[in-house]
């Protein structure tokens, strides 16, 4: 059981890192002047 808990924690940490990196990348793309993606940027703002 201890091994399973350790694996679950590692998976949770990896998932959190992936989500954080994805949000950062999206923020950078939007801030780089994606004027044609107003709809996408508004969706990201609601998501955050």
N, C-alpha and C. Protein backbone atom coordinates (compact mmCIF):
# COMPACT_ATOMS: atom_id res chain seq x y z
N UNK A 1 0.83 -1.21 0.00
CA UNK A 1 0.00 0.00 0.00
C UNK A 1 0.87 1.27 0.00
N UNK A 2 1.98 1.21 0.70
CA UNK A 2 2.85 2.39 0.74
C UNK A 2 3.35 2.74 -0.66
N UNK A 3 3.69 1.71 -1.43
CA UNK A 3 4.17 1.97 -2.78
C UNK A 3 3.08 2.63 -3.62
N UNK A 4 1.85 2.16 -3.47
CA UNK A 4 0.74 2.74 -4.24
C UNK A 4 0.55 4.21 -3.86
N UNK A 5 0.63 4.52 -2.58
CA UNK A 5 0.45 5.91 -2.15
C UNK A 5 1.56 6.79 -2.73
N UNK A 6 2.78 6.27 -2.73
CA UNK A 6 3.90 7.04 -3.28
C UNK A 6 3.68 7.30 -4.76
N UNK A 7 3.24 6.28 -5.49
CA UNK A 7 3.00 6.45 -6.92
C UNK A 7 1.88 7.47 -7.14
N UNK A 8 0.82 7.39 -6.35
CA UNK A 8 -0.28 8.33 -6.51
C UNK A 8 0.19 9.76 -6.26
N UNK A 9 1.04 9.94 -5.25
CA UNK A 9 1.53 11.29 -4.97
C UNK A 9 2.38 11.80 -6.12
N UNK A 10 3.23 10.93 -6.66
CA UNK A 10 4.08 11.34 -7.78
C UNK A 10 3.22 11.72 -8.98
N UNK A 11 2.19 10.92 -9.26
CA UNK A 11 1.31 11.22 -10.38
C UNK A 11 0.61 12.55 -10.16
N UNK A 12 0.17 12.80 -8.94
CA UNK A 12 -0.52 14.06 -8.64
C UNK A 12 0.43 15.24 -8.84
N UNK A 13 1.67 15.10 -8.38
CA UNK A 13 2.65 16.18 -8.53
C UNK A 13 2.93 16.43 -10.01
N UNK A 14 3.13 15.35 -10.78
CA UNK A 14 3.40 15.50 -12.21
C UNK A 14 2.22 16.17 -12.91
N UNK A 15 1.00 15.75 -12.56
CA UNK A 15 -0.19 16.34 -13.18
C UNK A 15 -0.27 17.83 -12.85
N UNK A 16 0.01 18.19 -11.60
CA UNK A 16 -0.03 19.60 -11.21
C UNK A 16 1.00 20.41 -11.99
N UNK A 17 2.20 19.84 -12.15
CA UNK A 17 3.26 20.55 -12.90
C UNK A 17 2.83 20.74 -14.35
N UNK A 18 2.25 19.69 -14.95
CA UNK A 18 1.83 19.77 -16.35
C UNK A 18 0.77 20.86 -16.51
N UNK A 19 -0.20 20.90 -15.59
CA UNK A 19 -1.25 21.92 -15.67
C UNK A 19 -0.65 23.32 -15.52
N UNK A 20 0.26 23.48 -14.57
CA UNK A 20 0.87 24.79 -14.35
C UNK A 20 1.64 25.25 -15.58
N UNK A 21 2.43 24.34 -16.16
CA UNK A 21 3.21 24.69 -17.35
C UNK A 21 2.27 25.06 -18.50
N UNK A 22 1.18 24.30 -18.65
CA UNK A 22 0.23 24.59 -19.73
C UNK A 22 -0.37 25.98 -19.56
N UNK A 23 -0.76 26.32 -18.34
CA UNK A 23 -1.34 27.64 -18.10
C UNK A 23 -0.32 28.74 -18.38
N UNK A 24 0.93 28.52 -17.99
CA UNK A 24 1.97 29.53 -18.25
C UNK A 24 2.16 29.71 -19.75
N UNK A 25 2.22 28.61 -20.49
CA UNK A 25 2.41 28.70 -21.94
C UNK A 25 1.24 29.43 -22.58
N UNK A 26 0.02 29.12 -22.15
CA UNK A 26 -1.15 29.80 -22.71
C UNK A 26 -1.09 31.30 -22.40
N UNK A 27 -0.70 31.63 -21.18
CA UNK A 27 -0.61 33.05 -20.80
C UNK A 27 0.42 33.77 -21.67
N UNK A 28 1.55 33.12 -21.91
CA UNK A 28 2.60 33.74 -22.74
C UNK A 28 2.08 33.94 -24.17
N UNK A 29 1.41 32.92 -24.71
CA UNK A 29 0.91 33.03 -26.07
C UNK A 29 -0.12 34.16 -26.18
N UNK A 30 -1.00 34.27 -25.19
CA UNK A 30 -2.02 35.31 -25.23
C UNK A 30 -1.38 36.69 -25.10
N UNK A 31 -0.37 36.81 -24.22
CA UNK A 31 0.26 38.11 -23.99
C UNK A 31 1.14 38.51 -25.17
N UNK A 32 1.46 37.58 -26.05
CA UNK A 32 2.30 37.90 -27.21
C UNK A 32 1.49 38.52 -28.34
N UNK A 33 0.29 38.96 -28.06
CA UNK A 33 -0.47 39.69 -29.06
C UNK A 33 -1.30 38.79 -29.95
N UNK A 34 -2.08 37.88 -29.36
CA UNK A 34 -2.97 37.02 -30.14
C UNK A 34 -4.29 37.76 -30.33
N UNK A 35 -4.25 38.85 -31.10
CA UNK A 35 -5.44 39.67 -31.28
C UNK A 35 -6.53 38.90 -32.00
N UNK A 36 -6.15 37.97 -32.85
CA UNK A 36 -7.13 37.21 -33.61
C UNK A 36 -7.77 36.12 -32.77
N UNK A 37 -7.29 35.94 -31.53
CA UNK A 37 -7.82 34.88 -30.68
C UNK A 37 -8.52 35.48 -29.47
N UNK A 38 -9.34 36.51 -29.70
CA UNK A 38 -10.05 37.13 -28.59
C UNK A 38 -10.95 36.12 -27.89
N UNK A 39 -11.60 35.27 -28.68
CA UNK A 39 -12.49 34.28 -28.09
C UNK A 39 -11.70 33.33 -27.20
N UNK A 40 -10.55 32.85 -27.67
CA UNK A 40 -9.73 31.93 -26.89
C UNK A 40 -9.22 32.61 -25.63
N UNK A 41 -8.78 33.86 -25.74
CA UNK A 41 -8.25 34.55 -24.57
C UNK A 41 -9.35 34.77 -23.54
N UNK A 42 -10.57 35.07 -23.98
CA UNK A 42 -11.67 35.26 -23.04
C UNK A 42 -11.99 33.94 -22.35
N UNK A 43 -11.90 32.82 -23.09
CA UNK A 43 -12.14 31.51 -22.48
C UNK A 43 -11.06 31.23 -21.43
N UNK A 44 -9.81 31.58 -21.73
CA UNK A 44 -8.72 31.34 -20.77
C UNK A 44 -8.94 32.20 -19.52
N UNK A 45 -9.39 33.43 -19.71
CA UNK A 45 -9.63 34.29 -18.55
C UNK A 45 -10.72 33.69 -17.67
N UNK A 46 -11.80 33.17 -18.28
CA UNK A 46 -12.84 32.53 -17.49
C UNK A 46 -12.31 31.28 -16.81
N UNK A 47 -11.43 30.55 -17.50
CA UNK A 47 -10.87 29.34 -16.93
C UNK A 47 -10.02 29.64 -15.70
N UNK A 48 -9.27 30.76 -15.76
CA UNK A 48 -8.44 31.12 -14.62
C UNK A 48 -9.29 31.73 -13.53
